[in-house]
Amino acid sequence: MNVMTVISLPFSRRSGWRELQQRQPPIPLLAWVVVLPMSLIPPLMLYYAGTHYGNDFAPGFADRSWRHITTILFLAELLTFFVMGWLIHSIANSRELSISYHDAYLLAAMAPLPLWSSALVLFVPSLLLNALAVLVALGISCSLIYHGLQALCRRESNDIVAMSATYTVIACGILAWGLLMAVVWAY
């Protein structure tokens, strides 16, 4: 699969999703090859920003124990992949949709790619720019979930059912992300 196919995933239910589904990468391979390396980016970038920018980035930013915070963040990201795969499967199958565990975990591995990649903006010591990058990445992740549910579900669904399932998955994901950020900032 080439980079252009991956880039087109959030914008279409047809382009790229079938190719990914046909490849049938095992869930452990997804965890090792996609989730593990990509989930390292935010903790490493946050550690870099926390140890290099100090209070220039945000007040009180330098006073944190970045080694512990980033370790907790990394472990939570790995746990979130497994929980979100189960959640996507449960939500989609409780609606008129039908998705296999494999495809649910495939979607759980693809959906956070923009969020993980947005952490690279931490090379720039601008809180506003970083917040904007996270918001754009969140929107792209939402689109990935929506189009992924449309493409990967075995039953043809109408847009309202797919949108409803997407909203539920996104709400749970944002709640988990918010709790994680609260833990990170409180630490």
N, C-alpha and C. Protein backbone atom coordinates (compact mmCIF):
# COMPACT_ATOMS: atom_id res chain seq x y z
N MET A 1 0.85 -1.18 0.00
CA MET A 1 0.00 0.00 0.00
C MET A 1 0.90 1.24 0.00
N ASN A 2 0.59 2.16 -0.86
CA ASN A 2 1.42 3.35 -0.95
C ASN A 2 0.88 4.48 -0.06
N VAL A 3 1.66 5.51 0.07
CA VAL A 3 1.32 6.63 0.95
C VAL A 3 0.06 7.35 0.47
N MET A 4 -0.12 7.50 -0.82
CA MET A 4 -1.31 8.20 -1.34
C MET A 4 -2.59 7.45 -0.98
N THR A 5 -2.53 6.14 -0.95
CA THR A 5 -3.70 5.36 -0.56
C THR A 5 -4.05 5.61 0.90
N VAL A 6 -3.04 5.64 1.75
CA VAL A 6 -3.26 5.90 3.18
C VAL A 6 -3.80 7.32 3.38
N ILE A 7 -3.29 8.27 2.64
CA ILE A 7 -3.75 9.66 2.75
C ILE A 7 -5.20 9.80 2.30
N SER A 8 -5.63 8.96 1.36
CA SER A 8 -7.00 9.05 0.86
C SER A 8 -8.03 8.37 1.77
N LEU A 9 -7.61 7.59 2.76
CA LEU A 9 -8.53 6.87 3.63
C LEU A 9 -9.57 7.76 4.33
N PRO A 10 -9.21 8.93 4.84
CA PRO A 10 -10.22 9.74 5.54
C PRO A 10 -11.24 10.41 4.61
N PHE A 11 -11.03 10.34 3.32
CA PHE A 11 -11.87 11.09 2.40
C PHE A 11 -12.78 10.23 1.53
N SER A 12 -12.69 8.91 1.68
CA SER A 12 -13.52 8.04 0.85
C SER A 12 -13.73 6.70 1.54
N ARG A 13 -14.90 6.14 1.32
CA ARG A 13 -15.15 4.81 1.88
C ARG A 13 -14.67 3.72 0.92
N ARG A 14 -14.29 4.08 -0.25
CA ARG A 14 -13.87 3.10 -1.23
C ARG A 14 -12.35 3.01 -1.36
N SER A 15 -11.71 4.13 -1.46
CA SER A 15 -10.28 4.18 -1.76
C SER A 15 -9.44 3.65 -0.59
N GLY A 16 -8.76 2.55 -0.80
CA GLY A 16 -7.80 2.04 0.16
C GLY A 16 -8.34 1.08 1.20
N TRP A 17 -9.58 1.26 1.62
CA TRP A 17 -10.12 0.43 2.70
C TRP A 17 -10.23 -1.03 2.27
N ARG A 18 -10.69 -1.28 1.08
CA ARG A 18 -10.82 -2.67 0.61
C ARG A 18 -9.46 -3.34 0.49
N GLU A 19 -8.49 -2.57 0.02
CA GLU A 19 -7.13 -3.11 -0.09
C GLU A 19 -6.59 -3.49 1.28
N LEU A 20 -6.80 -2.63 2.26
CA LEU A 20 -6.38 -2.95 3.63
C LEU A 20 -7.11 -4.17 4.16
N GLN A 21 -8.41 -4.24 3.91
CA GLN A 21 -9.22 -5.34 4.39
C GLN A 21 -8.80 -6.66 3.74
N GLN A 22 -8.45 -6.63 2.48
CA GLN A 22 -8.04 -7.84 1.78
C GLN A 22 -6.68 -8.35 2.23
N ARG A 23 -5.82 -7.46 2.64
CA ARG A 23 -4.49 -7.87 3.11
C ARG A 23 -4.57 -8.67 4.40
N GLN A 24 -5.60 -8.43 5.21
CA GLN A 24 -5.83 -9.13 6.46
C GLN A 24 -4.58 -9.19 7.35
N PRO A 25 -3.97 -8.02 7.66
CA PRO A 25 -2.83 -8.08 8.56
C PRO A 25 -3.31 -8.53 9.94
N PRO A 26 -2.64 -9.52 10.55
CA PRO A 26 -3.06 -9.99 11.86
C PRO A 26 -3.02 -8.86 12.90
N ILE A 27 -3.88 -8.95 13.90
CA ILE A 27 -3.95 -7.91 14.93
C ILE A 27 -2.61 -7.73 15.64
N PRO A 28 -1.89 -8.80 16.00
CA PRO A 28 -0.56 -8.58 16.61
C PRO A 28 0.41 -7.84 15.68
N LEU A 29 0.32 -8.12 14.37
CA LEU A 29 1.18 -7.40 13.42
C LEU A 29 0.80 -5.92 13.38
N LEU A 30 -0.50 -5.61 13.40
CA LEU A 30 -0.93 -4.21 13.46
C LEU A 30 -0.38 -3.53 14.71
N ALA A 31 -0.43 -4.26 15.82
CA ALA A 31 0.07 -3.69 17.07
C ALA A 31 1.57 -3.42 17.01
N TRP A 32 2.33 -4.36 16.46
CA TRP A 32 3.78 -4.21 16.41
C TRP A 32 4.28 -3.26 15.34
N VAL A 33 3.62 -3.27 14.18
CA VAL A 33 4.14 -2.52 13.03
C VAL A 33 3.53 -1.11 12.91
N VAL A 34 2.28 -0.94 13.34
CA VAL A 34 1.63 0.36 13.20
C VAL A 34 1.50 1.05 14.56
N VAL A 35 0.83 0.39 15.49
CA VAL A 35 0.48 1.03 16.75
C VAL A 35 1.70 1.34 17.61
N LEU A 36 2.56 0.37 17.82
CA LEU A 36 3.72 0.57 18.69
C LEU A 36 4.64 1.70 18.21
N PRO A 37 5.10 1.67 16.95
CA PRO A 37 5.99 2.77 16.53
C PRO A 37 5.31 4.13 16.48
N MET A 38 4.06 4.17 16.01
CA MET A 38 3.37 5.46 15.91
C MET A 38 3.01 6.02 17.29
N SER A 39 2.69 5.14 18.23
CA SER A 39 2.34 5.64 19.56
C SER A 39 3.57 6.09 20.35
N LEU A 40 4.74 5.84 19.83
CA LEU A 40 5.96 6.38 20.45
C LEU A 40 6.16 7.86 20.12
N ILE A 41 5.59 8.32 19.01
CA ILE A 41 5.82 9.69 18.57
C ILE A 41 5.34 10.72 19.59
N PRO A 42 4.09 10.69 20.06
CA PRO A 42 3.66 11.72 21.02
C PRO A 42 4.47 11.75 22.32
N PRO A 43 4.76 10.60 22.96
CA PRO A 43 5.56 10.70 24.18
C PRO A 43 6.97 11.24 23.94
N LEU A 44 7.59 10.80 22.84
CA LEU A 44 8.94 11.29 22.56
C LEU A 44 8.94 12.79 22.26
N MET A 45 7.96 13.23 21.48
CA MET A 45 7.89 14.65 21.15
C MET A 45 7.52 15.49 22.39
N LEU A 46 6.64 14.97 23.22
CA LEU A 46 6.27 15.68 24.44
C LEU A 46 7.47 15.78 25.38
N TYR A 47 8.24 14.71 25.47
CA TYR A 47 9.45 14.73 26.30
C TYR A 47 10.45 15.76 25.75
N TYR A 48 10.60 15.75 24.43
CA TYR A 48 11.49 16.72 23.79
C TYR A 48 11.03 18.15 24.10
N ALA A 49 9.76 18.43 23.89
CA ALA A 49 9.24 19.78 24.13
C ALA A 49 9.35 20.16 25.60
N GLY A 50 9.04 19.21 26.48
CA GLY A 50 9.09 19.49 27.91
C GLY A 50 10.48 19.74 28.43
N THR A 51 11.47 19.10 27.87
CA THR A 51 12.85 19.27 28.35
C THR A 51 13.62 20.35 27.59
N HIS A 52 13.12 20.78 26.43
CA HIS A 52 13.85 21.79 25.65
C HIS A 52 13.23 23.19 25.67
N TYR A 53 11.92 23.27 25.76
CA TYR A 53 11.28 24.58 25.67
C TYR A 53 11.01 25.21 27.02
N GLY A 54 10.81 24.37 28.01
CA GLY A 54 10.54 24.89 29.34
C GLY A 54 9.27 25.73 29.38
N ASN A 55 9.31 26.80 30.14
CA ASN A 55 8.14 27.67 30.32
C ASN A 55 7.87 28.56 29.12
N ASP A 56 8.75 28.55 28.10
CA ASP A 56 8.48 29.32 26.88
C ASP A 56 7.28 28.75 26.13
N PHE A 57 7.05 27.46 26.28
CA PHE A 57 5.93 26.81 25.60
C PHE A 57 4.61 27.13 26.31
N ALA A 58 4.59 26.95 27.61
CA ALA A 58 3.41 27.24 28.43
C ALA A 58 3.87 27.42 29.87
N PRO A 59 3.20 28.27 30.64
CA PRO A 59 3.59 28.45 32.05
C PRO A 59 3.51 27.14 32.82
N GLY A 60 4.56 26.82 33.58
CA GLY A 60 4.61 25.61 34.37
C GLY A 60 4.99 24.37 33.59
N PHE A 61 5.30 24.53 32.32
CA PHE A 61 5.62 23.41 31.45
C PHE A 61 6.94 22.74 31.84
N ALA A 62 7.89 23.51 32.31
CA ALA A 62 9.21 22.98 32.63
C ALA A 62 9.24 22.22 33.95
N ASP A 63 8.27 22.45 34.80
CA ASP A 63 8.30 21.89 36.15
C ASP A 63 7.73 20.48 36.24
N ARG A 64 7.44 19.87 35.15
CA ARG A 64 6.81 18.55 35.15
C ARG A 64 7.85 17.43 35.08
N SER A 65 7.45 16.27 35.55
CA SER A 65 8.30 15.08 35.48
C SER A 65 8.01 14.37 34.16
N TRP A 66 8.66 14.84 33.10
CA TRP A 66 8.34 14.39 31.75
C TRP A 66 8.63 12.92 31.51
N ARG A 67 9.60 12.38 32.19
CA ARG A 67 9.92 10.96 32.01
C ARG A 67 8.74 10.10 32.47
N HIS A 68 8.15 10.43 33.59
CA HIS A 68 7.01 9.67 34.10
C HIS A 68 5.74 9.93 33.28
N ILE A 69 5.53 11.18 32.95
CA ILE A 69 4.33 11.54 32.18
C ILE A 69 4.33 10.84 30.83
N THR A 70 5.45 10.88 30.15
CA THR A 70 5.50 10.28 28.81
C THR A 70 5.41 8.75 28.87
N THR A 71 5.91 8.15 29.92
CA THR A 71 5.77 6.70 30.08
C THR A 71 4.31 6.33 30.27
N ILE A 72 3.61 7.07 31.11
CA ILE A 72 2.17 6.84 31.33
C ILE A 72 1.40 7.05 30.02
N LEU A 73 1.74 8.10 29.29
CA LEU A 73 1.08 8.39 28.02
C LEU A 73 1.28 7.25 27.03
N PHE A 74 2.49 6.76 26.91
CA PHE A 74 2.78 5.67 25.98
C PHE A 74 1.99 4.41 26.34
N LEU A 75 2.00 4.02 27.60
CA LEU A 75 1.28 2.82 28.02
C LEU A 75 -0.23 2.99 27.82
N ALA A 76 -0.73 4.18 28.08
CA ALA A 76 -2.15 4.45 27.89
C ALA A 76 -2.52 4.39 26.41
N GLU A 77 -1.65 4.85 25.54
CA GLU A 77 -1.93 4.77 24.10
C GLU A 77 -2.02 3.32 23.64
N LEU A 78 -1.13 2.48 24.13
CA LEU A 78 -1.18 1.07 23.77
C LEU A 78 -2.46 0.41 24.27
N LEU A 79 -2.83 0.71 25.50
CA LEU A 79 -4.06 0.16 26.07
C LEU A 79 -5.28 0.66 25.30
N THR A 80 -5.25 1.91 24.91
CA THR A 80 -6.38 2.50 24.19
C THR A 80 -6.63 1.79 22.86
N PHE A 81 -5.58 1.36 22.18
CA PHE A 81 -5.76 0.62 20.92
C PHE A 81 -6.61 -0.62 21.14
N PHE A 82 -6.30 -1.39 22.17
CA PHE A 82 -7.03 -2.62 22.42
C PHE A 82 -8.46 -2.34 22.88
N VAL A 83 -8.64 -1.32 23.69
CA VAL A 83 -9.98 -0.96 24.15
C VAL A 83 -10.82 -0.42 22.99
N MET A 84 -10.23 0.43 22.16
CA MET A 84 -10.98 1.01 21.04
C MET A 84 -11.36 -0.05 20.00
N GLY A 85 -10.53 -1.04 19.77
CA GLY A 85 -10.90 -2.11 18.85
C GLY A 85 -12.13 -2.85 19.35
N TRP A 86 -12.12 -3.18 20.64
CA TRP A 86 -13.28 -3.84 21.23
C TRP A 86 -14.51 -2.93 21.17
N LEU A 87 -14.31 -1.64 21.47
CA LEU A 87 -15.41 -0.68 21.49
C LEU A 87 -16.03 -0.51 20.09
N ILE A 88 -15.20 -0.38 19.08
CA ILE A 88 -15.69 -0.24 17.70
C ILE A 88 -16.50 -1.48 17.32
N HIS A 89 -15.99 -2.64 17.66
CA HIS A 89 -16.71 -3.88 17.36
C HIS A 89 -18.06 -3.90 18.07
N SER A 90 -18.08 -3.55 19.33
CA SER A 90 -19.33 -3.58 20.12
C SER A 90 -20.35 -2.57 19.61
N ILE A 91 -19.90 -1.36 19.36
CA ILE A 91 -20.82 -0.30 18.92
C ILE A 91 -21.38 -0.61 17.54
N ALA A 92 -20.52 -0.99 16.62
CA ALA A 92 -20.97 -1.27 15.25
C ALA A 92 -21.95 -2.44 15.23
N ASN A 93 -21.68 -3.46 16.01
CA ASN A 93 -22.55 -4.63 16.00
C ASN A 93 -23.82 -4.42 16.81
N SER A 94 -23.88 -3.39 17.64
CA SER A 94 -25.12 -3.09 18.35
C SER A 94 -26.05 -2.26 17.48
N ARG A 95 -25.53 -1.70 16.41
CA ARG A 95 -26.35 -0.97 15.45
C ARG A 95 -26.71 -1.93 14.32
N GLU A 96 -27.13 -1.41 13.21
CA GLU A 96 -27.46 -2.25 12.05
C GLU A 96 -26.21 -2.64 11.27
N LEU A 97 -25.05 -2.30 11.79
CA LEU A 97 -23.79 -2.59 11.12
C LEU A 97 -23.27 -3.95 11.58
N SER A 98 -22.33 -4.50 10.87
CA SER A 98 -21.71 -5.76 11.25
C SER A 98 -20.24 -5.67 10.88
N ILE A 99 -19.37 -5.77 11.89
CA ILE A 99 -17.94 -5.67 11.64
C ILE A 99 -17.23 -6.79 12.39
N SER A 100 -16.22 -7.35 11.78
CA SER A 100 -15.45 -8.41 12.43
C SER A 100 -14.48 -7.79 13.43
N TYR A 101 -14.00 -8.61 14.36
CA TYR A 101 -13.01 -8.11 15.31
C TYR A 101 -11.77 -7.63 14.57
N HIS A 102 -11.36 -8.36 13.56
CA HIS A 102 -10.18 -7.97 12.81
C HIS A 102 -10.33 -6.59 12.20
N ASP A 103 -11.47 -6.36 11.53
CA ASP A 103 -11.69 -5.06 10.90
C ASP A 103 -11.85 -3.95 11.92
N ALA A 104 -12.43 -4.26 13.08
CA ALA A 104 -12.55 -3.26 14.14
C ALA A 104 -11.17 -2.84 14.64
N TYR A 105 -10.27 -3.80 14.79
CA TYR A 105 -8.91 -3.47 15.24
C TYR A 105 -8.11 -2.80 14.13
N LEU A 106 -8.40 -3.13 12.88
CA LEU A 106 -7.77 -2.42 11.76
C LEU A 106 -8.16 -0.94 11.81
N LEU A 107 -9.44 -0.68 12.04
CA LEU A 107 -9.91 0.70 12.15
C LEU A 107 -9.32 1.38 13.38
N ALA A 108 -9.22 0.64 14.48
CA ALA A 108 -8.63 1.20 15.71
C ALA A 108 -7.15 1.54 15.52
N ALA A 109 -6.48 0.86 14.62
CA ALA A 109 -5.07 1.16 14.34
C ALA A 109 -4.92 2.34 13.39
N MET A 110 -5.86 2.49 12.45
CA MET A 110 -5.77 3.56 11.46
C MET A 110 -6.27 4.91 12.00
N ALA A 111 -7.30 4.89 12.82
CA ALA A 111 -7.95 6.13 13.26
C ALA A 111 -7.03 7.11 14.00
N PRO A 112 -6.13 6.65 14.88
CA PRO A 112 -5.28 7.63 15.57
C PRO A 112 -4.04 8.08 14.81
N LEU A 113 -3.83 7.58 13.60
CA LEU A 113 -2.63 7.98 12.84
C LEU A 113 -2.47 9.50 12.73
N PRO A 114 -3.52 10.25 12.40
CA PRO A 114 -3.35 11.71 12.32
C PRO A 114 -2.99 12.33 13.68
N LEU A 115 -3.58 11.82 14.75
CA LEU A 115 -3.29 12.37 16.08
C LEU A 115 -1.84 12.08 16.47
N TRP A 116 -1.39 10.87 16.20
CA TRP A 116 0.01 10.54 16.50
C TRP A 116 0.95 11.40 15.67
N SER A 117 0.62 11.58 14.40
CA SER A 117 1.48 12.37 13.51
C SER A 117 1.48 13.85 13.89
N SER A 118 0.37 14.34 14.43
CA SER A 118 0.30 15.76 14.79
C SER A 118 1.29 16.13 15.88
N ALA A 119 1.76 15.15 16.63
CA ALA A 119 2.74 15.42 17.68
C ALA A 119 4.06 15.93 17.11
N LEU A 120 4.31 15.68 15.85
CA LEU A 120 5.55 16.18 15.23
C LEU A 120 5.61 17.70 15.20
N VAL A 121 4.46 18.35 15.31
CA VAL A 121 4.42 19.82 15.34
C VAL A 121 5.06 20.34 16.63
N LEU A 122 5.26 19.47 17.62
CA LEU A 122 5.92 19.89 18.85
C LEU A 122 7.38 20.31 18.63
N PHE A 123 7.90 20.08 17.43
CA PHE A 123 9.22 20.62 17.10
C PHE A 123 9.18 22.15 17.08
N VAL A 124 8.00 22.71 16.90
CA VAL A 124 7.81 24.16 16.88
C VAL A 124 7.26 24.57 18.24
N PRO A 125 7.95 25.45 18.96
CA PRO A 125 7.50 25.81 20.32
C PRO A 125 6.36 26.84 20.34
N SER A 126 5.25 26.47 19.74
CA SER A 126 4.09 27.36 19.70
C SER A 126 2.87 26.59 20.19
N LEU A 127 2.32 27.01 21.31
CA LEU A 127 1.15 26.35 21.86
C LEU A 127 -0.04 26.47 20.93
N LEU A 128 -0.23 27.62 20.32
CA LEU A 128 -1.34 27.84 19.40
C LEU A 128 -1.25 26.93 18.17
N LEU A 129 -0.07 26.86 17.57
CA LEU A 129 0.14 26.00 16.41
C LEU A 129 -0.10 24.54 16.77
N ASN A 130 0.38 24.11 17.93
CA ASN A 130 0.19 22.73 18.35
C ASN A 130 -1.27 22.42 18.62
N ALA A 131 -2.00 23.34 19.24
CA ALA A 131 -3.42 23.14 19.49
C ALA A 131 -4.19 23.05 18.16
N LEU A 132 -3.83 23.89 17.21
CA LEU A 132 -4.46 23.85 15.89
C LEU A 132 -4.18 22.52 15.19
N ALA A 133 -2.94 22.05 15.28
CA ALA A 133 -2.58 20.77 14.65
C ALA A 133 -3.37 19.62 15.26
N VAL A 134 -3.57 19.63 16.56
CA VAL A 134 -4.35 18.58 17.22
C VAL A 134 -5.81 18.64 16.79
N LEU A 135 -6.38 19.82 16.67
CA LEU A 135 -7.77 19.95 16.23
C LEU A 135 -7.97 19.44 14.80
N VAL A 136 -7.04 19.78 13.91
CA VAL A 136 -7.12 19.30 12.53
C VAL A 136 -6.97 17.77 12.51
N ALA A 137 -6.02 17.26 13.28
CA ALA A 137 -5.81 15.81 13.35
C ALA A 137 -7.04 15.09 13.92
N LEU A 138 -7.68 15.70 14.89
CA LEU A 138 -8.90 15.12 15.46
C LEU A 138 -10.01 15.04 14.41
N GLY A 139 -10.14 16.08 13.61
CA GLY A 139 -11.14 16.06 12.54
C GLY A 139 -10.85 14.98 11.52
N ILE A 140 -9.60 14.81 11.16
CA ILE A 140 -9.23 13.77 10.20
C ILE A 140 -9.46 12.38 10.80
N SER A 141 -9.16 12.22 12.08
CA SER A 141 -9.42 10.94 12.74
C SER A 141 -10.90 10.61 12.76
N CYS A 142 -11.73 11.61 13.00
CA CYS A 142 -13.19 11.40 12.97
C CYS A 142 -13.63 10.94 11.59
N SER A 143 -13.07 11.56 10.57
CA SER A 143 -13.40 11.18 9.19
C SER A 143 -12.92 9.75 8.89
N LEU A 144 -11.76 9.39 9.41
CA LEU A 144 -11.27 8.03 9.24
C LEU A 144 -12.23 7.01 9.86
N ILE A 145 -12.74 7.31 11.03
CA ILE A 145 -13.66 6.40 11.70
C ILE A 145 -14.95 6.27 10.87
N TYR A 146 -15.47 7.39 10.44
CA TYR A 146 -16.72 7.39 9.66
C TYR A 146 -16.58 6.58 8.37
N HIS A 147 -15.57 6.92 7.59
CA HIS A 147 -15.40 6.22 6.31
C HIS A 147 -14.94 4.78 6.52
N GLY A 148 -14.17 4.53 7.58
CA GLY A 148 -13.77 3.17 7.88
C GLY A 148 -14.94 2.29 8.25
N LEU A 149 -15.87 2.82 9.05
CA LEU A 149 -17.07 2.04 9.39
C LEU A 149 -17.90 1.75 8.15
N GLN A 150 -18.02 2.74 7.28
CA GLN A 150 -18.78 2.52 6.04
C GLN A 150 -18.12 1.44 5.17
N ALA A 151 -16.81 1.46 5.11
CA ALA A 151 -16.10 0.55 4.21
C ALA A 151 -15.93 -0.85 4.79
N LEU A 152 -15.71 -0.97 6.09
CA LEU A 152 -15.34 -2.24 6.68
C LEU A 152 -16.51 -3.07 7.19
N CYS A 153 -17.66 -2.46 7.34
CA CYS A 153 -18.82 -3.21 7.82
C CYS A 153 -19.34 -4.12 6.72
N ARG A 154 -19.76 -5.31 7.13
CA ARG A 154 -20.20 -6.32 6.17
C ARG A 154 -21.57 -6.02 5.59
N ARG A 155 -22.42 -5.37 6.36
CA ARG A 155 -23.74 -5.01 5.85
C ARG A 155 -23.67 -3.59 5.29
N GLU A 156 -24.32 -3.39 4.21
CA GLU A 156 -24.41 -2.04 3.64
C GLU A 156 -25.25 -1.20 4.59
N SER A 157 -24.72 -0.08 4.99
CA SER A 157 -25.44 0.76 5.95
C SER A 157 -25.81 2.09 5.31
N ASN A 158 -26.82 2.70 5.88
CA ASN A 158 -27.10 4.06 5.43
C ASN A 158 -26.18 5.00 6.20
N ASP A 159 -26.07 6.20 5.72
CA ASP A 159 -25.14 7.15 6.32
C ASP A 159 -25.51 7.53 7.74
N ILE A 160 -26.80 7.54 8.05
CA ILE A 160 -27.22 7.94 9.40
C ILE A 160 -26.77 6.92 10.43
N VAL A 161 -26.88 5.63 10.12
CA VAL A 161 -26.45 4.59 11.05
C VAL A 161 -24.93 4.65 11.23
N ALA A 162 -24.20 4.79 10.15
CA ALA A 162 -22.74 4.89 10.24
C ALA A 162 -22.34 6.14 11.01
N MET A 163 -23.05 7.24 10.78
CA MET A 163 -22.74 8.48 11.49
C MET A 163 -23.04 8.34 12.99
N SER A 164 -24.12 7.68 13.32
CA SER A 164 -24.47 7.45 14.72
C SER A 164 -23.40 6.62 15.43
N ALA A 165 -22.96 5.55 14.78
CA ALA A 165 -21.90 4.72 15.36
C ALA A 165 -20.60 5.51 15.47
N THR A 166 -20.32 6.33 14.47
CA THR A 166 -19.12 7.16 14.50
C THR A 166 -19.15 8.13 15.67
N TYR A 167 -20.29 8.79 15.88
CA TYR A 167 -20.41 9.73 17.00
C TYR A 167 -20.17 9.05 18.34
N THR A 168 -20.70 7.84 18.49
CA THR A 168 -20.53 7.12 19.74
C THR A 168 -19.06 6.74 19.95
N VAL A 169 -18.41 6.24 18.92
CA VAL A 169 -16.99 5.87 19.01
C VAL A 169 -16.15 7.11 19.32
N ILE A 170 -16.43 8.20 18.62
CA ILE A 170 -15.67 9.44 18.82
C ILE A 170 -15.88 9.98 20.23
N ALA A 171 -17.12 9.95 20.71
CA ALA A 171 -17.40 10.44 22.06
C ALA A 171 -16.62 9.64 23.10
N CYS A 172 -16.60 8.33 22.95
CA CYS A 172 -15.83 7.50 23.88
C CYS A 172 -14.33 7.78 23.76
N GLY A 173 -13.86 7.95 22.54
CA GLY A 173 -12.44 8.24 22.32
C GLY A 173 -12.03 9.59 22.89
N ILE A 174 -12.86 10.59 22.71
CA ILE A 174 -12.55 11.93 23.24
C ILE A 174 -12.60 11.91 24.77
N LEU A 175 -13.55 11.18 25.33
CA LEU A 175 -13.62 11.05 26.77
C LEU A 175 -12.34 10.40 27.32
N ALA A 176 -11.90 9.32 26.68
CA ALA A 176 -10.66 8.66 27.10
C ALA A 176 -9.46 9.59 26.94
N TRP A 177 -9.43 10.32 25.82
CA TRP A 177 -8.31 11.23 25.57
C TRP A 177 -8.32 12.37 26.59
N GLY A 178 -9.50 12.89 26.91
CA GLY A 178 -9.61 13.95 27.91
C GLY A 178 -9.16 13.49 29.28
N LEU A 179 -9.55 12.28 29.67
CA LEU A 179 -9.10 11.74 30.95
C LEU A 179 -7.59 11.57 30.97
N LEU A 180 -7.05 11.10 29.87
CA LEU A 180 -5.60 10.93 29.76
C LEU A 180 -4.88 12.27 29.87
N MET A 181 -5.38 13.28 29.18
CA MET A 181 -4.76 14.61 29.26
C MET A 181 -4.87 15.20 30.67
N ALA A 182 -5.99 14.94 31.35
CA ALA A 182 -6.15 15.40 32.72
C ALA A 182 -5.10 14.75 33.63
N VAL A 183 -4.87 13.47 33.43
CA VAL A 183 -3.84 12.76 34.22
C VAL A 183 -2.46 13.33 33.91
N VAL A 184 -2.19 13.57 32.61
CA VAL A 184 -0.88 14.10 32.22
C VAL A 184 -0.65 15.48 32.84
N TRP A 185 -1.62 16.36 32.76
CA TRP A 185 -1.44 17.72 33.27
C TRP A 185 -1.46 17.76 34.79
N ALA A 186 -2.16 16.83 35.42
CA ALA A 186 -2.20 16.81 36.90
C ALA A 186 -0.92 16.25 37.48
N TYR A 187 -0.23 15.43 36.71
CA TYR A 187 0.99 14.78 37.21
C TYR A 187 2.05 15.81 37.35
